[in-house]
Amino acid sequence: MGDAANKADCELIFKRIDKNGDGKISLDEFGDAVKASGTCGNVDVPAKMKEIDKDGDGFISLDELWEFFSAHPQMLKEAVTKIA
């Protein structure tokens, strides 16, 4: 799978997580997505949010999510099967 396909998957996941459609993922939205994925017990949601939120504004942007998934392609594949 190439970068374009991966980027499309990332955008799909982002849209599914961003429930209110404001173009950013809040901690609550991120937590809900982690719960829905069934990996709740394995993830420290606030810590993972902080790791992905590179600019520290308290939200995950599409670019930040893409940067994270680019560094962790296996997590993108897992997210596609669980969230998308």
N, C-alpha and C. Protein backbone atom coordinates (compact mmCIF):
# COMPACT_ATOMS: atom_id res chain seq x y z
N MET A 1 0.85 -1.18 0.00
CA MET A 1 0.00 0.00 0.00
C MET A 1 0.89 1.23 0.00
N GLY A 2 0.60 2.16 -0.90
CA GLY A 2 1.43 3.35 -1.02
C GLY A 2 1.01 4.46 -0.08
N ASP A 3 1.78 5.55 -0.12
CA ASP A 3 1.50 6.69 0.75
C ASP A 3 0.12 7.29 0.51
N ALA A 4 -0.31 7.34 -0.77
CA ALA A 4 -1.61 7.93 -1.08
C ALA A 4 -2.73 7.12 -0.44
N ALA A 5 -2.64 5.80 -0.52
CA ALA A 5 -3.64 4.93 0.09
C ALA A 5 -3.61 5.07 1.61
N ASN A 6 -2.42 5.11 2.17
CA ASN A 6 -2.29 5.28 3.61
C ASN A 6 -2.85 6.63 4.06
N LYS A 7 -2.59 7.67 3.30
CA LYS A 7 -3.10 9.01 3.63
C LYS A 7 -4.63 9.00 3.58
N ALA A 8 -5.20 8.33 2.59
CA ALA A 8 -6.66 8.23 2.48
C ALA A 8 -7.23 7.48 3.69
N ASP A 9 -6.57 6.42 4.11
CA ASP A 9 -6.99 5.69 5.31
C ASP A 9 -6.92 6.59 6.54
N CYS A 10 -5.86 7.36 6.65
CA CYS A 10 -5.68 8.26 7.78
C CYS A 10 -6.81 9.31 7.79
N GLU A 11 -7.13 9.85 6.63
CA GLU A 11 -8.20 10.84 6.54
C GLU A 11 -9.55 10.24 6.94
N LEU A 12 -9.80 9.01 6.52
CA LEU A 12 -11.03 8.32 6.88
C LEU A 12 -11.11 8.13 8.39
N ILE A 13 -10.04 7.67 8.98
CA ILE A 13 -9.99 7.47 10.43
C ILE A 13 -10.20 8.80 11.15
N PHE A 14 -9.53 9.84 10.68
CA PHE A 14 -9.66 11.16 11.29
C PHE A 14 -11.12 11.61 11.29
N LYS A 15 -11.79 11.46 10.15
CA LYS A 15 -13.19 11.88 10.05
C LYS A 15 -14.09 11.07 10.97
N ARG A 16 -13.79 9.79 11.13
CA ARG A 16 -14.60 8.95 12.03
C ARG A 16 -14.41 9.34 13.49
N ILE A 17 -13.18 9.72 13.85
CA ILE A 17 -12.91 10.10 15.24
C ILE A 17 -13.44 11.50 15.54
N ASP A 18 -13.32 12.41 14.58
CA ASP A 18 -13.75 13.80 14.75
C ASP A 18 -15.27 13.89 14.65
N LYS A 19 -15.95 13.46 15.71
CA LYS A 19 -17.41 13.33 15.72
C LYS A 19 -18.14 14.65 15.45
N ASN A 20 -17.62 15.76 15.96
CA ASN A 20 -18.33 17.03 15.77
C ASN A 20 -17.92 17.75 14.49
N GLY A 21 -16.96 17.19 13.74
CA GLY A 21 -16.58 17.73 12.44
C GLY A 21 -15.90 19.08 12.47
N ASP A 22 -15.25 19.40 13.59
CA ASP A 22 -14.60 20.71 13.68
C ASP A 22 -13.16 20.71 13.14
N GLY A 23 -12.72 19.60 12.60
CA GLY A 23 -11.39 19.54 11.99
C GLY A 23 -10.27 19.28 12.97
N LYS A 24 -10.62 18.88 14.19
CA LYS A 24 -9.61 18.54 15.18
C LYS A 24 -10.20 17.50 16.13
N ILE A 25 -9.33 16.68 16.68
CA ILE A 25 -9.75 15.60 17.58
C ILE A 25 -9.46 16.02 19.01
N SER A 26 -10.52 16.06 19.82
CA SER A 26 -10.38 16.41 21.23
C SER A 26 -9.99 15.17 22.03
N LEU A 27 -9.65 15.39 23.28
CA LEU A 27 -9.32 14.27 24.16
C LEU A 27 -10.52 13.34 24.31
N ASP A 28 -11.72 13.90 24.44
CA ASP A 28 -12.92 13.06 24.57
C ASP A 28 -13.15 12.22 23.32
N GLU A 29 -13.01 12.84 22.14
CA GLU A 29 -13.19 12.10 20.89
C GLU A 29 -12.13 11.00 20.75
N PHE A 30 -10.90 11.34 21.12
CA PHE A 30 -9.82 10.36 21.03
C PHE A 30 -10.07 9.21 22.00
N GLY A 31 -10.48 9.54 23.21
CA GLY A 31 -10.79 8.50 24.20
C GLY A 31 -11.91 7.59 23.74
N ASP A 32 -12.96 8.17 23.14
CA ASP A 32 -14.05 7.37 22.61
C ASP A 32 -13.57 6.42 21.51
N ALA A 33 -12.68 6.90 20.66
CA ALA A 33 -12.15 6.07 19.58
C ALA A 33 -11.30 4.92 20.13
N VAL A 34 -10.52 5.21 21.14
CA VAL A 34 -9.70 4.16 21.76
C VAL A 34 -10.61 3.11 22.38
N LYS A 35 -11.65 3.55 23.09
CA LYS A 35 -12.61 2.61 23.67
C LYS A 35 -13.28 1.76 22.60
N ALA A 36 -13.70 2.40 21.53
CA ALA A 36 -14.39 1.69 20.44
C ALA A 36 -13.49 0.68 19.76
N SER A 37 -12.19 0.94 19.78
CA SER A 37 -11.24 0.04 19.12
C SER A 37 -10.98 -1.22 19.94
N GLY A 38 -11.37 -1.19 21.22
CA GLY A 38 -11.16 -2.35 22.08
C GLY A 38 -9.78 -2.45 22.67
N THR A 39 -8.96 -1.41 22.53
CA THR A 39 -7.60 -1.43 23.07
C THR A 39 -7.49 -0.60 24.34
N CYS A 40 -8.61 -0.31 24.93
CA CYS A 40 -8.69 0.59 26.09
C CYS A 40 -7.71 0.23 27.21
N GLY A 41 -7.60 -1.04 27.56
CA GLY A 41 -6.74 -1.44 28.65
C GLY A 41 -5.26 -1.28 28.37
N ASN A 42 -4.91 -1.19 27.09
CA ASN A 42 -3.50 -1.11 26.70
C ASN A 42 -3.01 0.32 26.48
N VAL A 43 -3.91 1.30 26.51
CA VAL A 43 -3.54 2.66 26.11
C VAL A 43 -3.80 3.65 27.24
N ASP A 44 -2.78 4.43 27.58
CA ASP A 44 -2.94 5.57 28.47
C ASP A 44 -3.38 6.72 27.56
N VAL A 45 -4.69 6.97 27.51
CA VAL A 45 -5.25 7.90 26.53
C VAL A 45 -4.64 9.30 26.62
N PRO A 46 -4.58 9.92 27.80
CA PRO A 46 -3.97 11.27 27.85
C PRO A 46 -2.51 11.28 27.41
N ALA A 47 -1.75 10.26 27.77
CA ALA A 47 -0.34 10.21 27.37
C ALA A 47 -0.20 10.03 25.85
N LYS A 48 -1.03 9.16 25.27
CA LYS A 48 -0.98 8.94 23.82
C LYS A 48 -1.41 10.21 23.09
N MET A 49 -2.42 10.88 23.61
CA MET A 49 -2.88 12.14 23.02
C MET A 49 -1.74 13.16 23.01
N LYS A 50 -1.06 13.26 24.14
CA LYS A 50 0.06 14.20 24.26
C LYS A 50 1.18 13.86 23.27
N GLU A 51 1.42 12.57 23.08
CA GLU A 51 2.45 12.11 22.14
C GLU A 51 2.10 12.52 20.71
N ILE A 52 0.84 12.39 20.33
CA ILE A 52 0.43 12.70 18.96
C ILE A 52 0.28 14.20 18.74
N ASP A 53 -0.16 14.93 19.76
CA ASP A 53 -0.41 16.38 19.68
C ASP A 53 0.91 17.14 19.75
N LYS A 54 1.59 17.21 18.63
CA LYS A 54 2.95 17.80 18.60
C LYS A 54 2.98 19.29 18.92
N ASP A 55 1.94 20.03 18.55
CA ASP A 55 1.98 21.47 18.81
C ASP A 55 1.44 21.84 20.20
N GLY A 56 0.95 20.84 20.94
CA GLY A 56 0.53 21.05 22.32
C GLY A 56 -0.72 21.89 22.51
N ASP A 57 -1.57 21.97 21.47
CA ASP A 57 -2.77 22.79 21.59
C ASP A 57 -3.95 22.05 22.22
N GLY A 58 -3.75 20.78 22.59
CA GLY A 58 -4.80 20.00 23.22
C GLY A 58 -5.71 19.28 22.25
N PHE A 59 -5.38 19.34 20.97
CA PHE A 59 -6.15 18.67 19.93
C PHE A 59 -5.21 17.97 18.96
N ILE A 60 -5.73 16.96 18.27
CA ILE A 60 -4.96 16.27 17.23
C ILE A 60 -5.48 16.76 15.89
N SER A 61 -4.59 17.29 15.08
CA SER A 61 -4.94 17.71 13.72
C SER A 61 -4.73 16.53 12.78
N LEU A 62 -5.26 16.66 11.57
CA LEU A 62 -5.05 15.63 10.56
C LEU A 62 -3.55 15.44 10.30
N ASP A 63 -2.82 16.54 10.20
CA ASP A 63 -1.37 16.44 9.95
C ASP A 63 -0.65 15.72 11.09
N GLU A 64 -1.05 15.99 12.32
CA GLU A 64 -0.42 15.31 13.46
C GLU A 64 -0.75 13.83 13.46
N LEU A 65 -1.99 13.49 13.12
CA LEU A 65 -2.36 12.08 13.06
C LEU A 65 -1.60 11.38 11.94
N TRP A 66 -1.46 12.04 10.79
CA TRP A 66 -0.71 11.47 9.67
C TRP A 66 0.76 11.28 10.05
N GLU A 67 1.34 12.24 10.72
CA GLU A 67 2.74 12.13 11.16
C GLU A 67 2.91 10.92 12.09
N PHE A 68 1.97 10.75 13.01
CA PHE A 68 2.02 9.62 13.94
C PHE A 68 1.90 8.30 13.18
N PHE A 69 0.90 8.18 12.31
CA PHE A 69 0.70 6.94 11.58
C PHE A 69 1.84 6.67 10.59
N SER A 70 2.46 7.70 10.06
CA SER A 70 3.61 7.51 9.17
C SER A 70 4.77 6.86 9.92
N ALA A 71 4.90 7.22 11.19
CA ALA A 71 5.96 6.64 12.03
C ALA A 71 5.57 5.27 12.57
N HIS A 72 4.26 4.96 12.55
CA HIS A 72 3.75 3.69 13.09
C HIS A 72 2.76 3.06 12.11
N PRO A 73 3.24 2.62 10.94
CA PRO A 73 2.33 2.11 9.91
C PRO A 73 1.49 0.91 10.36
N GLN A 74 2.00 0.10 11.25
CA GLN A 74 1.21 -1.04 11.72
C GLN A 74 -0.01 -0.57 12.50
N MET A 75 0.15 0.52 13.24
CA MET A 75 -0.99 1.06 13.99
C MET A 75 -2.06 1.59 13.04
N LEU A 76 -1.64 2.14 11.90
CA LEU A 76 -2.60 2.60 10.90
C LEU A 76 -3.41 1.41 10.38
N LYS A 77 -2.73 0.32 10.08
CA LYS A 77 -3.43 -0.87 9.58
C LYS A 77 -4.43 -1.38 10.61
N GLU A 78 -4.03 -1.40 11.87
CA GLU A 78 -4.92 -1.86 12.94
C GLU A 78 -6.10 -0.90 13.10
N ALA A 79 -5.84 0.38 13.03
CA ALA A 79 -6.91 1.38 13.18
C ALA A 79 -7.93 1.27 12.06
N VAL A 80 -7.45 0.99 10.86
CA VAL A 80 -8.36 0.86 9.71
C VAL A 80 -9.33 -0.28 9.94
N THR A 81 -8.85 -1.39 10.47
CA THR A 81 -9.72 -2.53 10.69
C THR A 81 -10.66 -2.33 11.88
N LYS A 82 -10.27 -1.51 12.85
CA LYS A 82 -11.08 -1.35 14.05
C LYS A 82 -11.99 -0.12 14.02
N ILE A 83 -11.55 0.95 13.39
CA ILE A 83 -12.29 2.21 13.45
C ILE A 83 -13.01 2.52 12.14
N ALA A 84 -12.33 2.28 11.05
CA ALA A 84 -12.89 2.70 9.74
C ALA A 84 -14.05 1.84 9.30
